[in-house]
């Protein structure tokens, strides 16, 4: 069994994902004489890594030919066509909203939920399409030229309030100045407990949580004051340190939240209007974080991890034949795991479905009382 020193940090990659990559290489070799094909790959990540849509060129030549071949003009035009299509129909925004709704509802049958969600969008699109046709018909009768209409789905969603999100770049992440607002151990422990099961924080590693906690600022309210108002633009997420709040939807009381509770998390993803009104039931002390700080912290961390993971993957022999974009795809699928001294990582004879890359310290096999190999970072 593999064991290591105190707090080994290991990157885990699902075996089924690795198998998928291997199958793709076999498919390429078997299809080396076929014509080139292209696919659009839409990649949706966790809120902190921001949602991304990229058009990926896939070649069905052998690996050797792929390494030396250059894309033709026709391929470049096709790639640009993919990007224009995604932008024209606002696919990125639609998927963002879909993921947010899915996280809020947490349905037992997610596929049924998604089907109903897109059926609703289709109905809205049809209504807007008919309305646009009617409008165009009226415009034609007056010999007028109307400007190109917006995407019908986008128009429908804007009419309902819409969802907006800033676009953050790598420069934004690099230029972010780390904020540190002092907090005692008790406060840090309370914050950690409050967000431990929150969907926007559960995936964070220790360093990211530390940066988030450091950036949180104190907010106070007296009993009876309104903390957030339904319909207002949302920007901050709050954790209750002391006191209690009442939550109202459309003027009706829904629930109360006490110490250790939190509210306003969707504001960290988008500037959506507040879905409820929250009032101070007692005097309050809150800790808040704004959307800009949250997203810059996570984007900066994501960029650093991506670069580090890609370097690790380039040293792994089984993955050395991957192209850069493929290594980055694998890097995005990696998740950090930690083990204490003496804790088992894998057990001989048991089925294995995880692939590990050691990033810190070393590991050895003591099952036979001997070190089988000395493992260094990235191996």
Protein backbone atom coordinates (compact mmCIF):
# COMPACT_ATOMS: atom_id res chain seq x y z
CA UNK A 1 0.00 0.00 0.00
CA UNK A 2 1.17 3.50 -0.78
CA UNK A 3 1.64 5.82 2.15
CA UNK A 4 3.36 9.16 2.49
CA UNK A 5 4.45 11.89 4.83
CA UNK A 6 2.18 14.35 6.60
CA UNK A 7 -0.44 16.00 4.36
CA UNK A 8 0.56 14.70 0.99
CA UNK A 9 -1.20 16.64 -1.76
CA UNK A 10 -2.25 14.43 -4.66
CA UNK A 11 -4.11 15.20 -7.86
CA UNK A 12 -6.73 12.65 -8.78
CA UNK A 13 -8.04 11.99 -12.27
CA UNK A 14 -10.97 9.68 -12.92
CA UNK A 15 -9.99 6.50 -14.74
CA UNK A 16 -13.05 6.64 -16.94
CA UNK A 17 -11.94 10.04 -18.24
CA UNK A 18 -8.46 8.66 -18.98
CA UNK A 19 -10.04 5.68 -20.74
CA UNK A 20 -12.07 8.10 -22.81
CA UNK A 21 -8.91 9.87 -23.96
CA UNK A 22 -7.25 6.56 -24.81
CA UNK A 23 -10.25 5.53 -26.86
CA UNK A 24 -10.04 8.74 -28.80
CA UNK A 25 -6.43 8.03 -29.78
CA UNK A 26 -7.40 4.54 -30.98
CA UNK A 27 -10.20 6.06 -32.99
CA UNK A 28 -7.74 8.43 -34.63
CA UNK A 29 -5.39 5.64 -35.68
CA UNK A 30 -8.25 3.57 -37.08
CA UNK A 31 -9.65 6.56 -38.95
CA UNK A 32 -6.40 8.03 -40.23
CA UNK A 33 -7.56 7.86 -43.86
CA UNK A 34 -10.85 9.57 -43.27
CA UNK A 35 -11.49 13.18 -43.98
CA UNK A 36 -10.89 15.73 -41.26
CA UNK A 37 -13.82 16.51 -39.02
CA UNK A 38 -14.51 19.29 -36.59
CA UNK A 39 -16.64 19.38 -33.45
CA UNK A 40 -17.77 22.14 -31.17
CA UNK A 41 -16.92 21.38 -27.55
CA UNK A 42 -18.89 23.34 -24.96
CA UNK A 43 -17.15 23.16 -21.58
CA UNK A 44 -19.05 24.28 -18.47
CA UNK A 45 -17.00 24.66 -15.28
CA UNK A 46 -17.72 25.57 -11.55
CA UNK A 47 -18.68 29.20 -10.92
CA UNK A 48 -15.21 30.07 -9.75
CA UNK A 49 -13.52 28.96 -12.86
CA UNK A 50 -15.97 30.82 -14.94
CA UNK A 51 -17.98 29.32 -17.78
CA UNK A 52 -16.13 28.80 -21.03
CA UNK A 53 -17.13 27.95 -24.57
CA UNK A 54 -14.41 26.95 -26.97
CA UNK A 55 -14.43 25.60 -30.48
CA UNK A 56 -11.94 22.74 -30.60
CA UNK A 57 -10.39 21.40 -33.78
CA UNK A 58 -10.21 17.64 -33.81
CA UNK A 59 -8.15 15.84 -36.40
CA UNK A 60 -8.63 12.19 -37.22
CA UNK A 61 -5.11 11.73 -38.51
CA UNK A 62 -2.44 9.76 -36.75
CA UNK A 63 -0.55 11.41 -33.87
CA UNK A 64 2.57 11.83 -35.97
CA UNK A 65 0.72 13.62 -38.75
CA UNK A 66 -1.11 15.79 -36.24
CA UNK A 67 2.14 17.00 -34.73
CA UNK A 68 3.45 18.23 -38.08
CA UNK A 69 0.31 19.29 -39.93
CA UNK A 70 -0.99 22.85 -39.95
CA UNK A 71 -4.66 23.87 -40.23
CA UNK A 72 -5.83 24.87 -43.66
CA UNK A 73 -7.64 28.06 -44.54
CA UNK A 74 -10.84 26.07 -44.87
CA UNK A 75 -10.45 24.74 -41.32
CA UNK A 76 -9.84 28.21 -39.92
CA UNK A 77 -12.98 29.48 -41.61
CA UNK A 78 -14.97 26.57 -40.21
CA UNK A 79 -13.64 27.27 -36.71
CA UNK A 80 -14.61 30.92 -36.98
CA UNK A 81 -18.03 29.79 -38.14
CA UNK A 82 -18.41 27.70 -34.98
CA UNK A 83 -17.50 30.66 -32.79
CA UNK A 84 -19.89 32.98 -34.63
CA UNK A 85 -22.72 30.46 -34.25
CA UNK A 86 -22.19 30.13 -30.49
CA UNK A 87 -22.11 33.90 -30.07
CA UNK A 88 -25.05 34.55 -32.40
CA UNK A 89 -27.43 32.33 -30.47
CA UNK A 90 -26.02 33.28 -27.04
CA UNK A 91 -25.38 29.63 -26.14
CA UNK A 92 -23.01 30.58 -23.32
CA UNK A 93 -25.58 32.71 -21.48
CA UNK A 94 -28.31 30.11 -21.91
CA UNK A 95 -26.13 27.36 -20.42
CA UNK A 96 -25.08 29.62 -17.54
CA UNK A 97 -28.67 30.24 -16.56
CA UNK A 98 -29.49 26.56 -16.95
CA UNK A 99 -26.72 25.56 -14.53
CA UNK A 100 -27.80 28.20 -12.00
CA UNK A 101 -31.43 26.98 -12.10
CA UNK A 102 -30.25 23.39 -11.76
CA UNK A 103 -28.14 24.23 -8.69
CA UNK A 104 -31.04 26.08 -7.09
CA UNK A 105 -33.64 23.36 -7.68
CA UNK A 106 -31.37 20.33 -7.08
CA UNK A 107 -34.00 18.01 -8.63
CA UNK A 108 -33.99 14.26 -8.04
CA UNK A 109 -34.39 13.79 -11.80
CA UNK A 110 -32.03 16.33 -13.37
CA UNK A 111 -32.60 15.10 -16.93
CA UNK A 112 -36.36 15.64 -16.59
CA UNK A 113 -35.70 19.09 -15.13
CA UNK A 114 -33.39 20.01 -18.03
CA UNK A 115 -35.87 18.74 -20.62
CA UNK A 116 -38.67 20.85 -19.11
CA UNK A 117 -36.32 23.83 -18.85
CA UNK A 118 -35.42 23.73 -22.53
CA UNK A 119 -39.02 23.03 -23.57
CA UNK A 120 -39.97 26.24 -21.79
CA UNK A 121 -37.24 28.12 -23.63
CA UNK A 122 -38.45 26.64 -26.91
CA UNK A 123 -41.99 27.91 -26.27
CA UNK A 124 -40.66 31.37 -25.48
CA UNK A 125 -38.58 31.29 -28.64
CA UNK A 126 -41.60 30.31 -30.73
CA UNK A 127 -43.68 33.16 -29.31
CA UNK A 128 -40.94 35.66 -30.01
CA UNK A 129 -40.43 34.28 -33.50
CA UNK A 130 -44.13 34.71 -34.34
CA UNK A 131 -44.13 38.20 -32.84
CA UNK A 132 -41.08 39.10 -34.90
CA UNK A 133 -42.71 37.80 -38.08
CA UNK A 134 -45.79 39.89 -37.37
CA UNK A 135 -43.65 42.95 -36.69
CA UNK A 136 -41.67 42.41 -39.89
CA UNK A 137 -44.89 42.06 -41.86
CA UNK A 138 -46.14 45.39 -40.53
CA UNK A 139 -42.80 47.03 -41.28
CA UNK A 140 -42.83 45.72 -44.85
CA UNK A 141 -46.24 47.31 -45.45
CA UNK A 142 -44.72 50.71 -44.71
CA UNK A 143 -41.60 50.06 -46.79
CA UNK A 144 -39.40 50.41 -43.70
CA UNK A 145 -36.22 48.55 -42.86
CA UNK A 146 -36.03 47.30 -39.28
CA UNK A 147 -32.76 46.59 -37.47
CA UNK A 148 -31.86 42.92 -36.98
CA UNK A 149 -33.86 41.48 -34.04
CA UNK A 150 -32.14 40.09 -31.00
CA UNK A 151 -32.01 36.38 -30.27
CA UNK A 152 -35.63 35.50 -29.35
CA UNK A 153 -34.55 33.48 -26.34
CA UNK A 154 -32.45 36.36 -25.07
CA UNK A 155 -35.32 38.82 -25.60
CA UNK A 156 -37.68 36.62 -23.64
CA UNK A 157 -35.29 36.25 -20.75
CA UNK A 158 -34.53 39.97 -20.65
CA UNK A 159 -38.24 40.67 -20.46
CA UNK A 160 -38.36 38.47 -17.37
CA UNK A 161 -35.54 40.32 -15.63
CA UNK A 162 -32.53 38.71 -17.24
CA UNK A 163 -29.19 37.63 -15.89
CA UNK A 164 -26.05 39.63 -16.35
CA UNK A 165 -22.47 38.67 -15.66
CA UNK A 166 -19.23 40.54 -16.03
CA UNK A 167 -16.56 39.06 -18.25
CA UNK A 168 -13.34 38.55 -16.30
CA UNK A 169 -10.03 38.23 -18.10
CA UNK A 170 -6.65 36.85 -17.11
CA UNK A 171 -5.47 40.44 -16.70
CA UNK A 172 -8.23 41.06 -14.14
CA UNK A 173 -7.09 38.07 -12.10
CA UNK A 174 -3.43 39.09 -12.23
CA UNK A 175 -4.17 42.70 -11.29
CA UNK A 176 -6.27 41.74 -8.26
CA UNK A 177 -4.81 43.07 -5.01
CA UNK A 178 -5.38 40.59 -2.19
CA UNK A 179 -7.56 41.96 0.59
CA UNK A 180 -6.88 40.97 4.19
CA UNK A 181 -9.41 41.97 6.84
CA UNK A 182 -8.25 40.62 10.25
CA UNK A 183 -10.44 38.02 11.94
CA UNK A 184 -9.96 35.92 15.06
CA UNK A 185 -9.83 32.13 15.13
CA UNK A 186 -13.45 31.84 16.32
CA UNK A 187 -14.69 33.90 13.39
CA UNK A 188 -12.63 31.93 10.86
CA UNK A 189 -14.00 28.65 12.27
CA UNK A 190 -17.57 29.95 12.10
CA UNK A 191 -17.11 31.09 8.50
CA UNK A 192 -15.63 27.73 7.50
CA UNK A 193 -18.58 25.89 9.05
CA UNK A 194 -21.13 28.24 7.49
CA UNK A 195 -19.95 27.69 3.91
CA UNK A 196 -18.82 24.06 4.22
CA UNK A 197 -21.90 22.73 2.38
CA UNK A 198 -22.56 25.70 0.11
CA UNK A 199 -22.39 24.74 -3.57
CA UNK A 200 -20.24 27.79 -4.39
CA UNK A 201 -17.59 26.99 -1.79
CA UNK A 202 -17.53 23.22 -1.33
CA UNK A 203 -15.03 22.74 -4.16
CA UNK A 204 -12.48 25.25 -2.85
CA UNK A 205 -9.10 24.14 -1.53
CA UNK A 206 -7.60 25.46 1.71
CA UNK A 207 -5.72 28.33 0.06
CA UNK A 208 -8.79 29.52 -1.82
CA UNK A 209 -10.93 29.39 1.32
CA UNK A 210 -8.28 31.35 3.19
CA UNK A 211 -8.26 34.06 0.51
CA UNK A 212 -12.07 34.21 0.54
CA UNK A 213 -12.19 34.50 4.34
CA UNK A 214 -9.51 37.20 4.35
CA UNK A 215 -11.50 39.26 1.83
CA UNK A 216 -14.79 39.11 3.77
CA UNK A 217 -15.77 42.41 5.37
CA UNK A 218 -17.96 43.14 8.45
CA UNK A 219 -21.50 44.51 8.06
CA UNK A 220 -23.83 45.55 10.91
CA UNK A 221 -27.57 46.23 11.03
CA UNK A 222 -29.96 47.06 13.82
CA UNK A 223 -33.22 45.19 14.36
CA UNK A 224 -35.84 46.08 11.75
CA UNK A 225 -33.44 47.23 9.05
CA UNK A 226 -33.58 45.75 5.56
CA UNK A 227 -30.40 43.93 4.58
CA UNK A 228 -31.40 43.14 1.00
CA UNK A 229 -34.55 44.07 -0.91
CA UNK A 230 -36.34 41.77 -3.34
CA UNK A 231 -35.85 43.00 -6.91
CA UNK A 232 -32.73 45.04 -6.15
CA UNK A 233 -29.44 44.32 -7.91
CA UNK A 234 -27.45 41.72 -6.00
CA UNK A 235 -23.73 41.98 -5.40
CA UNK A 236 -22.81 40.62 -1.95
CA UNK A 237 -22.99 37.26 -0.21
CA UNK A 238 -23.45 37.27 3.57
CA UNK A 239 -22.71 34.94 6.49
CA UNK A 240 -24.45 35.66 9.80
CA UNK A 241 -21.97 35.99 12.65
CA UNK A 242 -24.40 37.25 15.30
CA UNK A 243 -28.16 37.73 15.26
CA UNK A 244 -31.10 36.51 13.19
CA UNK A 245 -32.90 37.57 10.00
CA UNK A 246 -36.36 37.06 8.53
CA UNK A 247 -36.81 36.21 4.86
CA UNK A 248 -39.81 37.47 2.86
CA UNK A 249 -40.90 36.66 -0.69
CA UNK A 250 -43.50 38.95 -2.26
CA UNK A 251 -44.17 40.41 1.17
CA UNK A 252 -44.87 37.06 2.84
CA UNK A 253 -42.65 35.62 5.57
CA UNK A 254 -40.89 32.46 4.42
CA UNK A 255 -38.27 31.54 7.01
CA UNK A 256 -35.74 32.80 9.54
CA UNK A 257 -31.97 32.34 9.44
CA UNK A 258 -29.76 32.39 12.54
CA UNK A 259 -26.08 32.47 13.40
CA UNK A 260 -23.94 30.47 11.00
CA UNK A 261 -26.52 30.80 8.22
CA UNK A 262 -25.89 32.51 4.91
CA UNK A 263 -27.81 34.16 2.08
CA UNK A 264 -27.27 35.95 -1.24
CA UNK A 265 -24.93 33.39 -2.81
CA UNK A 266 -26.28 33.80 -6.37
CA UNK A 267 -24.94 37.35 -6.33
CA UNK A 268 -21.45 35.83 -6.48
CA UNK A 269 -22.19 34.33 -9.90
CA UNK A 270 -24.40 36.93 -11.57
CA UNK A 271 -25.84 40.34 -10.84
CA UNK A 272 -29.33 38.87 -10.63
CA UNK A 273 -32.14 40.79 -8.91
CA UNK A 274 -32.62 39.64 -5.34
CA UNK A 275 -35.18 36.83 -5.13
CA UNK A 276 -36.26 37.73 -1.57
CA UNK A 277 -36.21 40.48 1.03
CA UNK A 278 -34.10 39.88 4.13
CA UNK A 279 -34.70 41.97 7.27
CA UNK A 280 -32.82 42.04 10.56
CA UNK A 281 -34.94 40.33 13.22
CA UNK A 282 -32.38 41.29 15.86
CA UNK A 283 -29.23 43.37 15.84
CA UNK A 284 -26.93 41.82 13.28
CA UNK A 285 -23.26 41.29 12.61
CA UNK A 286 -22.57 39.87 9.17
CA UNK A 287 -19.53 39.00 7.12
CA UNK A 288 -19.85 39.73 3.41
CA UNK A 289 -17.90 39.29 0.21
CA UNK A 290 -18.57 41.00 -3.10
CA UNK A 291 -18.82 39.31 -6.49
CA UNK A 292 -15.75 41.03 -7.92
CA UNK A 293 -13.43 39.78 -5.15
CA UNK A 294 -14.89 36.27 -5.20
CA UNK A 295 -14.49 35.82 -8.96
CA UNK A 296 -11.05 37.43 -9.17
CA UNK A 297 -9.76 35.21 -6.36
CA UNK A 298 -11.07 32.04 -7.96
CA UNK A 299 -10.01 33.00 -11.47
CA UNK A 300 -6.47 33.76 -10.31
CA UNK A 301 -6.34 30.46 -8.45
CA UNK A 302 -7.71 28.59 -11.46
CA UNK A 303 -5.10 30.07 -13.79
CA UNK A 304 -2.27 29.16 -11.41
CA UNK A 305 -3.56 25.61 -10.99
CA UNK A 306 -4.04 25.17 -14.71
CA UNK A 307 -0.46 26.13 -15.43
CA UNK A 308 0.91 23.95 -12.64
CA UNK A 309 -1.25 20.93 -13.55
CA UNK A 310 -0.38 21.22 -17.23
CA UNK A 311 3.31 21.12 -16.31
CA UNK A 312 2.73 18.02 -14.17
CA UNK A 313 0.83 16.26 -16.94
CA UNK A 314 3.59 16.93 -19.46
CA UNK A 315 5.91 14.82 -17.24
CA UNK A 316 3.56 11.83 -17.04
CA UNK A 317 4.68 9.25 -19.60
CA UNK A 318 1.20 7.87 -20.30
CA UNK A 319 0.01 11.38 -21.19
CA UNK A 320 3.08 12.76 -22.95
CA UNK A 321 1.56 12.23 -26.40
CA UNK A 322 -1.36 14.56 -25.62
CA UNK A 323 -1.57 17.88 -27.38
CA UNK A 324 -1.57 21.05 -25.30
CA UNK A 325 -5.33 21.59 -25.43
CA UNK A 326 -5.89 17.96 -24.45
CA UNK A 327 -3.57 18.30 -21.46
CA UNK A 328 -5.48 21.41 -20.42
CA UNK A 329 -8.74 19.46 -20.68
CA UNK A 330 -7.30 16.80 -18.38
CA UNK A 331 -5.93 19.51 -16.07
CA UNK A 332 -9.42 20.94 -15.66
CA UNK A 333 -10.67 17.49 -14.61
CA UNK A 334 -8.07 17.10 -11.86
CA UNK A 335 -9.12 17.57 -8.27
CA UNK A 336 -6.74 17.95 -5.28
CA UNK A 337 -6.90 15.39 -2.49
CA UNK A 338 -4.80 15.19 0.68
CA UNK A 339 -3.66 12.27 2.81
CA UNK A 340 -2.20 12.17 6.29
CA UNK A 341 0.82 10.12 7.24
CA UNK A 342 -0.09 6.43 7.27
CA UNK A 343 -3.36 6.86 5.40
CA UNK A 344 -3.96 4.44 2.51
CA UNK A 345 -4.11 5.90 -0.96
CA UNK A 346 -4.68 2.67 -2.89
CA UNK A 347 -4.84 -0.93 -1.70
CA UNK A 348 -3.34 -3.83 -3.61
CA UNK A 349 -6.00 -6.10 -5.09
CA UNK A 350 -8.85 -3.60 -4.90
CA UNK A 351 -10.48 -2.22 -8.07
CA UNK A 352 -9.00 1.10 -9.10
CA UNK A 353 -10.90 3.96 -10.72
CA UNK A 354 -8.64 6.88 -9.85
CA UNK A 355 -5.38 8.07 -11.36
CA UNK A 356 -3.06 9.98 -9.00
CA UNK A 357 -0.28 12.47 -9.63
CA UNK A 358 1.84 13.37 -6.61
CA UNK A 359 2.46 17.10 -6.26
CA UNK A 360 4.15 17.21 -2.86
CA UNK A 361 6.48 14.97 -0.78
CA UNK A 362 6.97 11.30 -1.74
CA UNK A 363 5.25 7.94 -1.47
CA UNK A 364 6.53 4.40 -1.19
CA UNK A 365 5.15 0.88 -1.10
CA UNK A 366 5.70 -0.70 2.31
CA UNK A 367 3.52 -3.71 1.68
CA UNK A 368 6.61 -5.92 1.44
CA UNK A 369 8.71 -3.83 3.78
CA UNK A 370 10.70 -2.28 0.93
CA UNK A 371 10.62 0.91 -1.08
CA UNK A 372 9.71 -0.03 -4.63
CA UNK A 373 10.28 3.44 -6.04
CA UNK A 374 11.02 6.97 -4.98
CA UNK A 375 8.35 9.23 -6.43
CA UNK A 376 8.94 12.91 -7.03
CA UNK A 377 6.61 15.77 -7.86
CA UNK A 378 4.74 15.42 -11.13
CA UNK A 379 5.27 11.66 -11.42
